[in-house]
Amino acid sequence: MVSAEDKLLLDKAYDAIELSQRRSIPRFLGFLNEHESLYIRQHLPKSADVLFYGGYEGAVRLMMGVSAGEVSFPITALEFTYKPEYELRHRDFLGALMALGIRRDVLGDILTGEGRTVIFVRDDIVPYLTDQVDRIGRVGVKVGYADLSELPVPDDTEELVWTLSSLRLDVFVACAARLSRDKAARLIKNELVTVDHVTETEVSRMLKEGMTVTIRKYGKFVLTALLGASKKGKLRVSVRHYR
């Protein structure tokens, strides 16, 4: 069943295509999260002249551009610098900027590093950010244009090894969120879990290597490798957690 949000998103994508064709100008939509960009890719005709780009190779949050090349996307990379002893993370920047009334869809990837964070943003909010933002929480920051040749490597991931009784979704979610199977099943049935960026409500869904499971309020988990069986016959798996 198609959600109202997905239907509205696809309508916006078609509107952007129609307007671009009628006026012979590029049009843009986003930034989009992983589910949104995947959903649009799956439901637009292959003949559609669209491109997805987030400001750098490997970006997660992407804009959709119609009749556009990468250089024409209205994306600017801003650099926030601060004293290295302050450990600011992705959630600190996102929370502070959204508290200022900035919409999530004008913010792309947030790459945090030691004393330096780069955020990809829509061009139209650059003046506000450069002129008005001088603090993230209690930490003073300076805002300028980023050097794209030296992007920070995010430190908000961790590699984990788990032992699971099976690759069922409810088993995986229970381990990831440190909940009982019953509570994990409740999260799934309440549409708070996605598999490969699509909402999944079937608790017995079997996972495979490479799949991404996102649990609202708990983060994103990628099943990176199957490591074989333990001495007790359980499954050992490698998981990358994006906090």
Protein backbone atom coordinates (compact mmCIF):
# COMPACT_ATOMS: atom_id res chain seq x y z
CA MET A 1 0.00 0.00 0.00
CA VAL A 2 1.36 3.42 -1.02
CA SER A 3 1.57 5.90 1.84
CA ALA A 4 0.19 9.42 1.48
CA GLU A 5 3.72 10.79 1.93
CA ASP A 6 5.10 8.66 -0.92
CA LYS A 7 2.22 9.62 -3.22
CA LEU A 8 2.77 13.32 -2.50
CA LEU A 9 6.51 12.93 -3.12
CA LEU A 10 5.96 11.26 -6.49
CA ASP A 11 3.45 13.96 -7.45
CA LYS A 12 6.10 16.59 -6.67
CA ALA A 13 8.62 14.73 -8.85
CA TYR A 14 6.21 14.65 -11.79
CA ASP A 15 5.38 18.33 -11.24
CA ALA A 16 9.09 19.18 -11.41
CA ILE A 17 9.45 17.24 -14.67
CA GLU A 18 6.39 18.89 -16.21
CA LEU A 19 7.50 22.39 -15.20
CA SER A 20 11.02 21.79 -16.51
CA GLN A 21 9.68 20.63 -19.86
CA ARG A 22 7.19 23.49 -20.15
CA ARG A 23 9.71 26.23 -19.32
CA SER A 24 12.86 24.53 -20.68
CA ILE A 25 14.73 25.12 -17.42
CA PRO A 26 16.24 22.79 -14.82
CA ARG A 27 14.14 22.02 -11.75
CA PHE A 28 15.22 20.51 -8.43
CA LEU A 29 13.61 18.56 -5.62
CA GLY A 30 15.13 17.75 -2.24
CA PHE A 31 17.34 17.03 -0.40
CA LEU A 32 15.78 13.56 -0.23
CA ASN A 33 16.51 10.80 2.26
CA GLU A 34 17.45 7.29 1.11
CA HIS A 35 13.89 5.99 1.00
CA GLU A 36 12.61 9.02 -0.90
CA SER A 37 15.29 8.95 -3.61
CA LEU A 38 14.92 5.17 -4.00
CA TYR A 39 11.12 5.44 -4.24
CA ILE A 40 11.32 8.10 -6.96
CA ARG A 41 13.90 6.08 -8.94
CA GLN A 42 11.66 3.02 -8.81
CA HIS A 43 8.48 4.80 -9.92
CA LEU A 44 9.58 7.31 -12.54
CA PRO A 45 9.76 6.09 -16.15
CA LYS A 46 13.25 5.20 -17.34
CA SER A 47 12.94 7.86 -20.04
CA ALA A 48 12.71 10.66 -17.44
CA ASP A 49 15.63 13.10 -17.72
CA VAL A 50 16.51 13.12 -14.01
CA LEU A 51 19.75 13.01 -12.05
CA PHE A 52 20.35 12.51 -8.33
CA TYR A 53 23.25 14.33 -6.69
CA GLY A 54 24.19 15.37 -3.15
CA GLY A 55 27.21 17.63 -3.65
CA TYR A 56 29.93 14.96 -3.63
CA GLU A 57 30.48 11.37 -4.68
CA GLY A 58 28.93 8.94 -2.23
CA ALA A 59 26.41 11.37 -0.73
CA VAL A 60 23.46 9.82 1.11
CA ARG A 61 20.96 12.70 1.00
CA LEU A 62 20.36 13.64 -2.63
CA MET A 63 18.59 16.26 -4.69
CA MET A 64 16.64 15.24 -7.77
CA GLY A 65 17.48 17.42 -10.75
CA VAL A 66 15.47 17.54 -13.98
CA SER A 67 17.39 18.45 -17.17
CA ALA A 68 20.38 19.32 -14.98
CA GLY A 69 24.07 18.52 -14.79
CA GLU A 70 25.92 18.17 -11.49
CA VAL A 71 27.44 21.66 -11.73
CA SER A 72 24.00 23.28 -11.94
CA PHE A 73 22.64 21.79 -8.72
CA PRO A 74 21.93 24.55 -6.15
CA ILE A 75 24.17 22.95 -3.52
CA THR A 76 26.83 24.66 -1.41
CA ALA A 77 29.20 22.99 1.04
CA LEU A 78 29.63 25.06 4.21
CA GLU A 79 32.36 24.47 6.77
CA PHE A 80 31.77 24.93 10.51
CA THR A 81 35.00 25.17 12.50
CA TYR A 82 35.37 25.06 16.27
CA LYS A 83 37.85 24.10 18.97
CA PRO A 84 38.85 20.43 18.51
CA GLU A 85 38.25 19.62 22.17
CA TYR A 86 34.49 19.98 21.56
CA GLU A 87 33.10 16.73 20.17
CA LEU A 88 30.17 17.91 18.10
CA ARG A 89 28.25 15.19 16.29
CA HIS A 90 25.72 14.94 13.48
CA ARG A 91 22.76 15.17 15.86
CA ASP A 92 24.16 18.34 17.48
CA PHE A 93 24.23 20.20 14.17
CA LEU A 94 20.93 18.84 12.93
CA GLY A 95 19.14 19.65 16.18
CA ALA A 96 20.58 23.17 16.39
CA LEU A 97 19.76 24.06 12.77
CA MET A 98 16.24 22.68 12.86
CA ALA A 99 15.63 24.58 16.12
CA LEU A 100 16.27 27.72 14.07
CA GLY A 101 13.37 26.78 11.80
CA ILE A 102 15.49 25.37 8.97
CA ARG A 103 13.66 22.57 7.14
CA ARG A 104 15.29 19.17 6.84
CA ASP A 105 14.87 19.11 3.06
CA VAL A 106 17.29 22.03 2.57
CA LEU A 107 20.07 20.21 4.47
CA GLY A 108 22.09 17.46 2.83
CA ASP A 109 24.79 15.30 4.37
CA ILE A 110 26.45 16.43 7.59
CA LEU A 111 30.06 15.24 7.79
CA THR A 112 31.55 15.70 11.25
CA GLY A 113 35.25 15.61 12.05
CA GLU A 114 37.69 16.87 14.65
CA GLY A 115 37.13 20.61 14.99
CA ARG A 116 35.49 20.78 11.57
CA THR A 117 32.13 19.83 10.13
CA VAL A 118 30.99 20.17 6.51
CA ILE A 119 27.28 20.48 5.72
CA PHE A 120 25.82 20.44 2.21
CA VAL A 121 22.93 22.91 1.97
CA ARG A 122 20.64 24.48 -0.61
CA ASP A 123 22.09 27.70 -2.01
CA ASP A 124 19.16 29.81 -0.83
CA ILE A 125 19.93 29.35 2.89
CA VAL A 126 23.67 30.09 2.62
CA PRO A 127 23.35 33.82 3.47
CA TYR A 128 21.36 33.06 6.61
CA LEU A 129 23.79 30.40 7.83
CA THR A 130 26.92 32.46 7.16
CA ASP A 131 25.49 35.64 8.68
CA GLN A 132 23.43 34.37 11.60
CA VAL A 133 24.86 31.09 12.92
CA ASP A 134 27.75 31.46 15.34
CA ARG A 135 26.96 28.69 17.84
CA ILE A 136 25.95 25.05 17.79
CA GLY A 137 24.49 24.47 21.22
CA ARG A 138 26.96 26.09 23.60
CA VAL A 139 29.91 25.78 21.24
CA GLY A 140 31.07 28.78 19.23
CA VAL A 141 31.57 28.11 15.51
CA LYS A 142 32.82 29.96 12.47
CA VAL A 143 31.03 29.39 9.17
CA GLY A 144 32.67 29.58 5.76
CA TYR A 145 32.89 27.80 2.43
CA ALA A 146 34.29 24.26 2.52
CA ASP A 147 37.24 22.80 0.65
CA LEU A 148 35.70 19.81 -1.14
CA SER A 149 39.11 18.21 -1.66
CA GLU A 150 39.37 17.52 2.08
CA LEU A 151 36.04 16.34 3.43
CA PRO A 152 35.89 15.07 7.02
CA VAL A 153 35.52 11.33 7.49
CA PRO A 154 32.51 10.88 9.78
CA ASP A 155 33.27 9.20 13.10
CA ASP A 156 29.67 8.39 13.97
CA THR A 157 29.80 4.74 12.91
CA GLU A 158 30.88 1.62 14.73
CA GLU A 159 31.54 -1.97 13.66
CA LEU A 160 29.78 -4.62 15.75
CA VAL A 161 29.74 -8.42 15.87
CA TRP A 162 26.50 -10.02 17.01
CA THR A 163 25.37 -13.57 17.69
CA LEU A 164 21.79 -14.14 16.51
CA SER A 165 19.43 -17.10 16.69
CA SER A 166 18.28 -16.36 13.11
CA LEU A 167 18.21 -13.64 10.46
CA ARG A 168 14.56 -12.81 11.10
CA LEU A 169 13.87 -9.08 11.23
CA ASP A 170 12.44 -9.17 14.76
CA VAL A 171 15.56 -10.97 16.03
CA PHE A 172 17.80 -8.38 14.38
CA VAL A 173 15.80 -5.42 15.67
CA ALA A 174 15.72 -6.86 19.21
CA CYS A 175 19.51 -7.09 19.23
CA ALA A 176 20.01 -3.66 17.63
CA ALA A 177 17.65 -1.84 19.99
CA ARG A 178 18.40 -4.06 23.01
CA LEU A 179 14.75 -4.95 23.40
CA SER A 180 12.76 -8.13 23.88
CA ARG A 181 11.44 -9.88 20.76
CA ASP A 182 7.90 -8.78 21.65
CA LYS A 183 8.90 -5.11 21.89
CA ALA A 184 10.94 -5.38 18.70
CA ALA A 185 7.92 -6.87 16.92
CA ARG A 186 5.84 -3.96 18.15
CA LEU A 187 8.26 -1.46 16.58
CA ILE A 188 8.02 -3.31 13.29
CA LYS A 189 4.23 -3.54 13.30
CA ASN A 190 3.99 0.16 14.19
CA GLU A 191 5.89 0.99 10.96
CA LEU A 192 8.99 2.27 12.77
CA VAL A 193 11.42 -0.01 10.92
CA THR A 194 12.59 0.06 7.29
CA VAL A 195 14.52 -2.53 5.32
CA ASP A 196 16.57 -1.08 2.47
CA HIS A 197 14.72 2.20 3.07
CA VAL A 198 11.23 0.73 2.62
CA THR A 199 8.87 0.34 5.61
CA GLU A 200 8.59 -3.31 6.64
CA THR A 201 5.80 -4.62 8.90
CA GLU A 202 6.45 -8.37 8.56
CA VAL A 203 8.30 -9.47 11.70
CA SER A 204 9.45 -12.74 10.11
CA ARG A 205 11.13 -11.04 7.12
CA MET A 206 14.46 -12.79 6.51
CA LEU A 207 17.48 -10.55 6.08
CA LYS A 208 20.43 -11.03 3.74
CA GLU A 209 23.99 -9.79 3.68
CA GLY A 210 24.18 -6.14 2.57
CA MET A 211 20.69 -5.17 3.72
CA THR A 212 20.13 -1.94 5.64
CA VAL A 213 17.76 -1.83 8.61
CA THR A 214 16.78 1.56 10.01
CA ILE A 215 15.00 1.77 13.36
CA ARG A 216 13.48 5.10 14.29
CA LYS A 217 15.30 6.64 17.29
CA TYR A 218 17.88 3.82 17.30
CA GLY A 219 19.79 4.46 14.08
CA LYS A 220 20.76 2.65 10.90
CA PHE A 221 22.31 -0.82 10.83
CA VAL A 222 23.91 -2.51 7.81
CA LEU A 223 24.33 -6.29 7.83
CA THR A 224 27.82 -6.22 6.34
CA ALA A 225 28.84 -9.89 6.58
CA LEU A 226 27.81 -13.37 7.70
CA LEU A 227 30.65 -14.79 9.80
CA GLY A 228 29.46 -18.37 10.16
CA ALA A 229 28.07 -20.33 13.08
CA SER A 230 29.13 -20.24 16.72
CA LYS A 231 29.92 -23.39 18.69
CA LYS A 232 26.31 -23.41 19.87
CA GLY A 233 25.00 -23.23 16.33
CA LYS A 234 23.95 -19.57 16.37
CA LEU A 235 24.78 -17.11 13.61
CA ARG A 236 27.64 -14.64 13.95
CA VAL A 237 27.21 -11.48 11.89
CA SER A 238 29.11 -8.26 11.31
CA VAL A 239 27.03 -5.07 11.51
CA ARG A 240 27.87 -1.44 10.83
CA HIS A 241 25.91 0.92 13.08
CA TYR A 242 25.34 4.54 12.04
CA ARG A 243 24.57 6.35 15.28
